[in-house]
Amino acid sequence: MTDDAWHGLSDPLVVCSRGSVVELAAVLPASGRFVVARLDGTRMADADHVFYDFSDALFFPSYFGWNWNAMSDCLRDLRWLPADGYLVIVDNATQLLSDSVQDRHTLFRVLARAVRHWASPLGRPQGQVAPFMVLLLVDGDEEAVQLRQDITQALYGGH
């Protein structure tokens, strides 16, 4: 993946099976200060654990409201964590909110909204974007296909 991939991702959430994972240096742009947050889907069985793990990994401020709207707001702000780009890696992504399809779809929409927000030059000094990438890691290619279908349903399936 090249620097251009940060600016032209067709899918806001990238799904990757472990067998095809590339070196982190190949995923990140060549220069700048980047925040890399690594989370584990097996730890995020319900919305409360999602809020806790994202808050912990990205140092959400004390006023974080512990709900989906507040998480969306924090992911699109991050002024307390200034960087030239952000990479959120979720291991075991098929385990994310495995008991609640509705919450899982809400999470995918929140993450996709953050990706699109950071990719937009509107309201930024000199129109500069700050890449925000979400990499969802799964064990195999079949899981990757299923997760991509789930994301497509969440983002484009009429919600």
N, C-alpha and C. Protein backbone atom coordinates (compact mmCIF):
# COMPACT_ATOMS: atom_id res chain seq x y z
N MET A 1 0.85 -1.17 0.00
CA MET A 1 0.00 0.00 0.00
C MET A 1 0.90 1.24 0.00
N THR A 2 0.60 2.18 -0.82
CA THR A 2 1.43 3.38 -0.95
C THR A 2 0.79 4.56 -0.24
N ASP A 3 1.53 5.69 -0.20
CA ASP A 3 0.99 6.91 0.39
C ASP A 3 -0.32 7.30 -0.28
N ASP A 4 -0.42 7.08 -1.60
CA ASP A 4 -1.64 7.43 -2.33
C ASP A 4 -2.83 6.65 -1.80
N ALA A 5 -2.61 5.46 -1.27
CA ALA A 5 -3.71 4.66 -0.77
C ALA A 5 -4.41 5.34 0.39
N TRP A 6 -3.67 6.15 1.15
CA TRP A 6 -4.28 6.86 2.27
C TRP A 6 -5.31 7.85 1.78
N HIS A 7 -5.11 8.41 0.62
CA HIS A 7 -5.99 9.46 0.13
C HIS A 7 -7.07 8.96 -0.81
N GLY A 8 -6.95 7.73 -1.28
CA GLY A 8 -7.90 7.26 -2.27
C GLY A 8 -8.55 5.92 -1.95
N LEU A 9 -8.70 5.62 -0.66
CA LEU A 9 -9.31 4.35 -0.31
C LEU A 9 -10.75 4.30 -0.79
N SER A 10 -11.08 3.24 -1.51
CA SER A 10 -12.46 3.09 -1.95
C SER A 10 -13.30 2.55 -0.80
N ASP A 11 -12.74 1.71 0.05
CA ASP A 11 -13.43 1.19 1.21
C ASP A 11 -12.89 1.89 2.45
N PRO A 12 -13.78 2.50 3.23
CA PRO A 12 -13.29 3.22 4.40
C PRO A 12 -12.69 2.31 5.47
N LEU A 13 -13.14 1.05 5.51
CA LEU A 13 -12.62 0.09 6.48
C LEU A 13 -11.93 -1.02 5.70
N VAL A 14 -10.66 -1.24 5.99
CA VAL A 14 -9.87 -2.22 5.27
C VAL A 14 -9.85 -3.52 6.05
N VAL A 15 -10.26 -4.60 5.40
CA VAL A 15 -10.26 -5.93 6.01
C VAL A 15 -9.09 -6.70 5.44
N CYS A 16 -8.34 -7.34 6.32
CA CYS A 16 -7.14 -8.05 5.88
C CYS A 16 -7.01 -9.35 6.66
N SER A 17 -6.78 -10.44 5.95
CA SER A 17 -6.54 -11.71 6.64
C SER A 17 -5.08 -11.76 7.07
N ARG A 18 -4.83 -12.48 8.13
CA ARG A 18 -3.47 -12.52 8.68
C ARG A 18 -2.43 -12.99 7.66
N GLY A 19 -2.81 -13.87 6.77
CA GLY A 19 -1.88 -14.37 5.77
C GLY A 19 -1.45 -13.33 4.76
N SER A 20 -2.21 -12.24 4.66
CA SER A 20 -1.88 -11.22 3.68
C SER A 20 -1.44 -9.90 4.32
N VAL A 21 -1.22 -9.90 5.62
CA VAL A 21 -0.81 -8.67 6.30
C VAL A 21 0.58 -8.26 5.84
N VAL A 22 0.73 -6.99 5.60
CA VAL A 22 2.03 -6.45 5.19
C VAL A 22 2.71 -5.78 6.38
N GLU A 23 3.96 -5.47 6.21
CA GLU A 23 4.70 -4.76 7.25
C GLU A 23 4.06 -3.41 7.53
N LEU A 24 4.06 -3.00 8.78
CA LEU A 24 3.46 -1.72 9.15
C LEU A 24 4.11 -0.57 8.38
N ALA A 25 5.38 -0.68 8.12
CA ALA A 25 6.08 0.37 7.36
C ALA A 25 5.50 0.51 5.96
N ALA A 26 4.95 -0.55 5.41
CA ALA A 26 4.36 -0.48 4.08
C ALA A 26 2.95 0.11 4.11
N VAL A 27 2.31 0.11 5.28
CA VAL A 27 0.96 0.64 5.42
C VAL A 27 0.98 2.14 5.71
N LEU A 28 1.94 2.57 6.52
CA LEU A 28 2.01 3.97 6.91
C LEU A 28 2.70 4.80 5.84
N PRO A 29 2.30 6.05 5.68
CA PRO A 29 3.02 6.95 4.78
C PRO A 29 4.48 7.08 5.22
N ALA A 30 5.31 7.54 4.31
CA ALA A 30 6.76 7.54 4.52
C ALA A 30 7.23 8.47 5.63
N SER A 31 6.51 9.56 5.90
CA SER A 31 7.00 10.50 6.90
C SER A 31 5.86 11.06 7.72
N GLY A 32 6.22 11.66 8.85
CA GLY A 32 5.24 12.30 9.71
C GLY A 32 5.10 11.58 11.05
N ARG A 33 4.27 12.17 11.90
CA ARG A 33 3.98 11.60 13.22
C ARG A 33 2.64 10.89 13.14
N PHE A 34 2.62 9.61 13.51
CA PHE A 34 1.41 8.81 13.38
C PHE A 34 1.06 8.14 14.69
N VAL A 35 -0.20 8.10 14.97
CA VAL A 35 -0.72 7.39 16.12
C VAL A 35 -1.20 6.03 15.62
N VAL A 36 -0.73 4.98 16.26
CA VAL A 36 -1.16 3.63 15.93
C VAL A 36 -1.81 3.05 17.18
N ALA A 37 -3.09 2.70 17.06
CA ALA A 37 -3.82 2.10 18.18
C ALA A 37 -4.17 0.68 17.79
N ARG A 38 -3.84 -0.25 18.65
CA ARG A 38 -4.12 -1.66 18.37
C ARG A 38 -5.11 -2.17 19.40
N LEU A 39 -6.22 -2.70 18.91
CA LEU A 39 -7.28 -3.19 19.77
C LEU A 39 -7.56 -4.66 19.45
N ASP A 40 -8.26 -5.34 20.34
CA ASP A 40 -8.58 -6.75 20.15
C ASP A 40 -10.09 -6.95 20.17
N GLY A 41 -10.63 -7.43 19.05
CA GLY A 41 -12.07 -7.65 18.94
C GLY A 41 -12.63 -8.61 19.97
N THR A 42 -11.82 -9.55 20.47
CA THR A 42 -12.32 -10.50 21.46
C THR A 42 -12.62 -9.80 22.79
N ARG A 43 -12.03 -8.65 23.01
CA ARG A 43 -12.27 -7.88 24.25
C ARG A 43 -13.49 -6.97 24.12
N MET A 44 -14.03 -6.84 22.92
CA MET A 44 -15.12 -5.88 22.69
C MET A 44 -16.41 -6.60 22.33
N ALA A 45 -16.92 -7.37 23.29
CA ALA A 45 -18.13 -8.16 23.06
C ALA A 45 -19.40 -7.33 23.11
N ASP A 46 -19.35 -6.18 23.80
CA ASP A 46 -20.53 -5.33 23.89
C ASP A 46 -20.10 -3.87 23.72
N ALA A 47 -21.08 -3.01 23.58
CA ALA A 47 -20.80 -1.60 23.30
C ALA A 47 -19.97 -0.96 24.41
N ASP A 48 -20.23 -1.29 25.66
CA ASP A 48 -19.46 -0.69 26.75
C ASP A 48 -17.98 -1.01 26.63
N HIS A 49 -17.65 -2.24 26.25
CA HIS A 49 -16.24 -2.61 26.08
C HIS A 49 -15.63 -1.92 24.86
N VAL A 50 -16.42 -1.71 23.80
CA VAL A 50 -15.94 -0.95 22.64
C VAL A 50 -15.59 0.47 23.08
N PHE A 51 -16.50 1.11 23.81
CA PHE A 51 -16.25 2.48 24.27
C PHE A 51 -15.00 2.53 25.14
N TYR A 52 -14.88 1.58 26.07
CA TYR A 52 -13.73 1.56 26.97
C TYR A 52 -12.43 1.38 26.20
N ASP A 53 -12.39 0.38 25.30
CA ASP A 53 -11.13 0.08 24.61
C ASP A 53 -10.71 1.20 23.66
N PHE A 54 -11.67 1.78 22.93
CA PHE A 54 -11.32 2.91 22.06
C PHE A 54 -10.89 4.11 22.89
N SER A 55 -11.61 4.37 23.98
CA SER A 55 -11.26 5.49 24.86
C SER A 55 -9.85 5.32 25.42
N ASP A 56 -9.54 4.11 25.86
CA ASP A 56 -8.23 3.82 26.42
C ASP A 56 -7.13 3.92 25.37
N ALA A 57 -7.36 3.37 24.19
CA ALA A 57 -6.34 3.34 23.14
C ALA A 57 -6.07 4.72 22.55
N LEU A 58 -7.10 5.56 22.47
CA LEU A 58 -6.95 6.88 21.84
C LEU A 58 -7.04 8.03 22.85
N PHE A 59 -6.95 7.70 24.12
CA PHE A 59 -6.90 8.71 25.19
C PHE A 59 -8.05 9.70 25.11
N PHE A 60 -9.28 9.20 24.94
CA PHE A 60 -10.43 10.09 24.88
C PHE A 60 -10.45 10.96 26.14
N PRO A 61 -10.90 12.20 26.01
CA PRO A 61 -10.94 13.12 27.15
C PRO A 61 -11.98 12.69 28.18
N SER A 62 -11.87 13.25 29.38
CA SER A 62 -12.76 12.87 30.48
C SER A 62 -14.22 13.17 30.19
N TYR A 63 -14.50 14.08 29.27
CA TYR A 63 -15.89 14.41 28.96
C TYR A 63 -16.53 13.44 27.96
N PHE A 64 -15.80 12.41 27.53
CA PHE A 64 -16.35 11.40 26.63
C PHE A 64 -17.65 10.85 27.22
N GLY A 65 -18.71 10.81 26.41
CA GLY A 65 -20.05 10.49 26.90
C GLY A 65 -20.45 9.03 26.92
N TRP A 66 -19.56 8.10 26.54
CA TRP A 66 -19.81 6.67 26.63
C TRP A 66 -21.06 6.24 25.85
N ASN A 67 -21.20 6.77 24.64
CA ASN A 67 -22.27 6.35 23.73
C ASN A 67 -21.75 6.50 22.31
N TRP A 68 -22.51 6.03 21.33
CA TRP A 68 -22.05 6.03 19.94
C TRP A 68 -21.82 7.44 19.40
N ASN A 69 -22.70 8.38 19.72
CA ASN A 69 -22.52 9.75 19.23
C ASN A 69 -21.25 10.36 19.80
N ALA A 70 -20.99 10.13 21.07
CA ALA A 70 -19.79 10.66 21.70
C ALA A 70 -18.53 10.03 21.11
N MET A 71 -18.60 8.73 20.83
CA MET A 71 -17.45 8.07 20.21
C MET A 71 -17.20 8.63 18.82
N SER A 72 -18.26 8.83 18.06
CA SER A 72 -18.13 9.42 16.73
C SER A 72 -17.49 10.80 16.82
N ASP A 73 -17.97 11.61 17.76
CA ASP A 73 -17.42 12.95 17.94
C ASP A 73 -15.93 12.91 18.28
N CYS A 74 -15.55 12.05 19.21
CA CYS A 74 -14.15 11.95 19.62
C CYS A 74 -13.26 11.48 18.47
N LEU A 75 -13.72 10.48 17.71
CA LEU A 75 -12.91 9.99 16.60
C LEU A 75 -12.73 11.04 15.51
N ARG A 76 -13.64 11.98 15.41
CA ARG A 76 -13.52 13.03 14.40
C ARG A 76 -12.86 14.30 14.96
N ASP A 77 -12.44 14.27 16.21
CA ASP A 77 -11.79 15.43 16.82
C ASP A 77 -10.31 15.14 17.05
N LEU A 78 -9.99 14.38 18.05
CA LEU A 78 -8.62 13.95 18.38
C LEU A 78 -7.63 15.10 18.56
N ARG A 79 -8.09 16.29 18.89
CA ARG A 79 -7.16 17.42 19.10
C ARG A 79 -6.22 17.17 20.27
N TRP A 80 -6.57 16.31 21.20
CA TRP A 80 -5.73 15.96 22.34
C TRP A 80 -4.65 14.96 21.94
N LEU A 81 -4.72 14.47 20.72
CA LEU A 81 -3.77 13.47 20.23
C LEU A 81 -3.30 13.88 18.83
N PRO A 82 -2.62 15.04 18.73
CA PRO A 82 -2.27 15.55 17.40
C PRO A 82 -1.28 14.63 16.68
N ALA A 83 -1.55 14.44 15.39
CA ALA A 83 -0.69 13.58 14.58
C ALA A 83 -0.92 13.92 13.11
N ASP A 84 -0.01 13.43 12.27
CA ASP A 84 -0.16 13.59 10.83
C ASP A 84 -1.04 12.50 10.23
N GLY A 85 -1.36 11.49 11.02
CA GLY A 85 -2.22 10.41 10.57
C GLY A 85 -2.48 9.44 11.70
N TYR A 86 -3.54 8.66 11.53
CA TYR A 86 -3.97 7.73 12.56
C TYR A 86 -4.23 6.36 11.93
N LEU A 87 -3.80 5.32 12.61
CA LEU A 87 -4.06 3.96 12.16
C LEU A 87 -4.64 3.19 13.34
N VAL A 88 -5.86 2.69 13.17
CA VAL A 88 -6.51 1.86 14.18
C VAL A 88 -6.53 0.43 13.64
N ILE A 89 -5.90 -0.47 14.37
CA ILE A 89 -5.85 -1.87 13.99
C ILE A 89 -6.70 -2.65 14.98
N VAL A 90 -7.63 -3.43 14.45
CA VAL A 90 -8.47 -4.28 15.31
C VAL A 90 -8.18 -5.73 14.96
N ASP A 91 -7.50 -6.42 15.87
CA ASP A 91 -7.26 -7.86 15.73
C ASP A 91 -8.56 -8.60 16.01
N ASN A 92 -8.69 -9.80 15.47
CA ASN A 92 -9.87 -10.63 15.72
C ASN A 92 -11.16 -9.87 15.45
N ALA A 93 -11.19 -9.17 14.33
CA ALA A 93 -12.30 -8.27 14.03
C ALA A 93 -13.64 -8.97 13.89
N THR A 94 -13.64 -10.25 13.55
CA THR A 94 -14.93 -10.95 13.44
C THR A 94 -15.59 -11.14 14.80
N GLN A 95 -14.83 -10.98 15.86
CA GLN A 95 -15.38 -11.12 17.22
C GLN A 95 -16.01 -9.82 17.73
N LEU A 96 -15.79 -8.72 17.03
CA LEU A 96 -16.35 -7.43 17.44
C LEU A 96 -17.86 -7.51 17.61
N LEU A 97 -18.35 -7.19 18.77
CA LEU A 97 -19.79 -7.10 19.01
C LEU A 97 -20.54 -8.28 18.40
N SER A 98 -20.00 -9.47 18.60
CA SER A 98 -20.54 -10.67 17.95
C SER A 98 -21.97 -10.99 18.36
N ASP A 99 -22.45 -10.47 19.47
CA ASP A 99 -23.81 -10.75 19.91
C ASP A 99 -24.82 -9.70 19.45
N SER A 100 -24.36 -8.63 18.84
CA SER A 100 -25.28 -7.57 18.43
C SER A 100 -24.94 -7.04 17.04
N VAL A 101 -25.66 -7.52 16.05
CA VAL A 101 -25.44 -7.06 14.68
C VAL A 101 -25.71 -5.56 14.59
N GLN A 102 -26.73 -5.08 15.28
CA GLN A 102 -27.06 -3.65 15.24
C GLN A 102 -25.90 -2.81 15.76
N ASP A 103 -25.32 -3.18 16.91
CA ASP A 103 -24.18 -2.42 17.46
C ASP A 103 -22.96 -2.54 16.55
N ARG A 104 -22.72 -3.73 16.00
CA ARG A 104 -21.58 -3.91 15.09
C ARG A 104 -21.73 -3.00 13.88
N HIS A 105 -22.92 -2.95 13.31
CA HIS A 105 -23.16 -2.08 12.16
C HIS A 105 -23.02 -0.61 12.55
N THR A 106 -23.46 -0.25 13.74
CA THR A 106 -23.28 1.13 14.22
C THR A 106 -21.79 1.45 14.34
N LEU A 107 -21.01 0.53 14.89
CA LEU A 107 -19.56 0.74 14.99
C LEU A 107 -18.94 0.93 13.62
N PHE A 108 -19.31 0.10 12.66
CA PHE A 108 -18.75 0.24 11.31
C PHE A 108 -19.09 1.59 10.71
N ARG A 109 -20.31 2.07 10.94
CA ARG A 109 -20.70 3.39 10.42
C ARG A 109 -19.93 4.51 11.11
N VAL A 110 -19.73 4.39 12.43
CA VAL A 110 -18.96 5.40 13.17
C VAL A 110 -17.52 5.45 12.67
N LEU A 111 -16.92 4.29 12.48
CA LEU A 111 -15.53 4.24 12.00
C LEU A 111 -15.42 4.78 10.57
N ALA A 112 -16.35 4.40 9.71
CA ALA A 112 -16.33 4.89 8.32
C ALA A 112 -16.51 6.41 8.29
N ARG A 113 -17.37 6.92 9.14
CA ARG A 113 -17.57 8.37 9.20
C ARG A 113 -16.28 9.08 9.61
N ALA A 114 -15.55 8.51 10.57
CA ALA A 114 -14.28 9.10 10.99
C ALA A 114 -13.26 9.07 9.85
N VAL A 115 -13.20 7.96 9.12
CA VAL A 115 -12.27 7.85 7.99
C VAL A 115 -12.57 8.93 6.97
N ARG A 116 -13.84 9.07 6.64
CA ARG A 116 -14.23 10.07 5.63
C ARG A 116 -14.01 11.50 6.13
N HIS A 117 -14.26 11.72 7.40
CA HIS A 117 -14.04 13.05 7.99
C HIS A 117 -12.58 13.48 7.84
N TRP A 118 -11.66 12.60 8.24
CA TRP A 118 -10.24 12.93 8.20
C TRP A 118 -9.72 13.03 6.77
N ALA A 119 -10.38 12.39 5.83
CA ALA A 119 -9.96 12.44 4.42
C ALA A 119 -10.44 13.70 3.72
N SER A 120 -11.36 14.43 4.34
CA SER A 120 -11.93 15.62 3.71
C SER A 120 -11.06 16.84 3.97
N PRO A 121 -10.74 17.63 2.94
CA PRO A 121 -9.94 18.84 3.13
C PRO A 121 -10.75 20.02 3.67
N LEU A 122 -12.07 19.88 3.74
CA LEU A 122 -12.91 20.99 4.20
C LEU A 122 -12.60 21.36 5.64
N GLY A 123 -12.41 22.65 5.86
CA GLY A 123 -12.15 23.15 7.20
C GLY A 123 -10.76 22.90 7.72
N ARG A 124 -9.87 22.45 6.88
CA ARG A 124 -8.49 22.17 7.31
C ARG A 124 -7.54 23.25 6.78
N PRO A 125 -6.51 23.56 7.55
CA PRO A 125 -5.53 24.55 7.08
C PRO A 125 -4.92 24.10 5.75
N GLN A 126 -4.93 24.97 4.77
CA GLN A 126 -4.42 24.69 3.43
C GLN A 126 -5.03 23.44 2.82
N GLY A 127 -6.18 23.03 3.30
CA GLY A 127 -6.85 21.85 2.75
C GLY A 127 -6.13 20.55 2.99
N GLN A 128 -5.22 20.53 3.97
CA GLN A 128 -4.44 19.32 4.23
C GLN A 128 -5.29 18.30 4.97
N VAL A 129 -5.23 17.07 4.53
CA VAL A 129 -5.96 16.00 5.20
C VAL A 129 -5.02 15.27 6.17
N ALA A 130 -5.62 14.65 7.17
CA ALA A 130 -4.87 13.81 8.10
C ALA A 130 -5.46 12.41 7.97
N PRO A 131 -4.73 11.49 7.38
CA PRO A 131 -5.27 10.16 7.15
C PRO A 131 -5.68 9.47 8.45
N PHE A 132 -6.82 8.84 8.41
CA PHE A 132 -7.33 8.02 9.51
C PHE A 132 -7.72 6.70 8.85
N MET A 133 -7.02 5.64 9.20
CA MET A 133 -7.25 4.35 8.56
C MET A 133 -7.64 3.32 9.61
N VAL A 134 -8.60 2.48 9.26
CA VAL A 134 -9.02 1.39 10.13
C VAL A 134 -8.71 0.08 9.41
N LEU A 135 -7.89 -0.74 10.05
CA LEU A 135 -7.49 -2.03 9.50
C LEU A 135 -8.08 -3.12 10.39
N LEU A 136 -8.97 -3.91 9.83
CA LEU A 136 -9.63 -4.99 10.56
C LEU A 136 -8.98 -6.31 10.18
N LEU A 137 -8.33 -6.95 11.16
CA LEU A 137 -7.60 -8.19 10.90
C LEU A 137 -8.45 -9.40 11.24
N VAL A 138 -8.45 -10.38 10.34
CA VAL A 138 -9.18 -11.64 10.54
C VAL A 138 -8.24 -12.80 10.29
N ASP A 139 -8.67 -14.00 10.66
CA ASP A 139 -7.79 -15.17 10.54
C ASP A 139 -7.59 -15.65 9.12
N GLY A 140 -8.64 -15.65 8.31
CA GLY A 140 -8.51 -16.22 6.98
C GLY A 140 -9.31 -15.48 5.94
N ASP A 141 -9.14 -15.91 4.70
CA ASP A 141 -9.80 -15.25 3.58
C ASP A 141 -11.32 -15.36 3.64
N GLU A 142 -11.84 -16.51 4.10
CA GLU A 142 -13.30 -16.65 4.20
C GLU A 142 -13.88 -15.67 5.20
N GLU A 143 -13.21 -15.52 6.35
CA GLU A 143 -13.66 -14.54 7.34
C GLU A 143 -13.59 -13.13 6.76
N ALA A 144 -12.57 -12.86 5.98
CA ALA A 144 -12.43 -11.54 5.37
C ALA A 144 -13.59 -11.24 4.43
N VAL A 145 -13.98 -12.21 3.63
CA VAL A 145 -15.10 -12.04 2.71
C VAL A 145 -16.38 -11.77 3.50
N GLN A 146 -16.62 -12.55 4.55
CA GLN A 146 -17.83 -12.37 5.36
C GLN A 146 -17.85 -11.02 6.04
N LEU A 147 -16.71 -10.60 6.57
CA LEU A 147 -16.67 -9.30 7.26
C LEU A 147 -16.87 -8.16 6.26
N ARG A 148 -16.29 -8.26 5.08
CA ARG A 148 -16.51 -7.23 4.06
C ARG A 148 -18.00 -7.14 3.70
N GLN A 149 -18.66 -8.29 3.60
CA GLN A 149 -20.11 -8.28 3.31
C GLN A 149 -20.89 -7.62 4.44
N ASP A 150 -20.50 -7.90 5.67
CA ASP A 150 -21.15 -7.29 6.83
C ASP A 150 -20.96 -5.78 6.84
N ILE A 151 -19.76 -5.34 6.52
CA ILE A 151 -19.47 -3.90 6.45
C ILE A 151 -20.29 -3.26 5.34
N THR A 152 -20.35 -3.89 4.20
CA THR A 152 -21.14 -3.36 3.08
C THR A 152 -22.60 -3.23 3.49
N GLN A 153 -23.14 -4.23 4.16
CA GLN A 153 -24.53 -4.17 4.64
C GLN A 153 -24.70 -3.00 5.62
N ALA A 154 -23.74 -2.83 6.52
CA ALA A 154 -23.83 -1.75 7.51
C ALA A 154 -23.78 -0.37 6.87
N LEU A 155 -22.88 -0.20 5.88
CA LEU A 155 -22.66 1.12 5.30
C LEU A 155 -23.63 1.46 4.19
N TYR A 156 -24.05 0.46 3.45
CA TYR A 156 -24.84 0.75 2.25
C TYR A 156 -26.18 0.01 2.20
N GLY A 157 -26.49 -0.71 3.27
CA GLY A 157 -27.67 -1.56 3.25
C GLY A 157 -28.97 -0.92 3.68
N GLY A 158 -29.05 0.39 3.62
CA GLY A 158 -30.32 1.05 3.88
C GLY A 158 -30.52 1.55 5.29
N HIS A 159 -29.48 1.60 6.10
CA HIS A 159 -29.62 2.15 7.46
C HIS A 159 -29.55 3.65 7.43
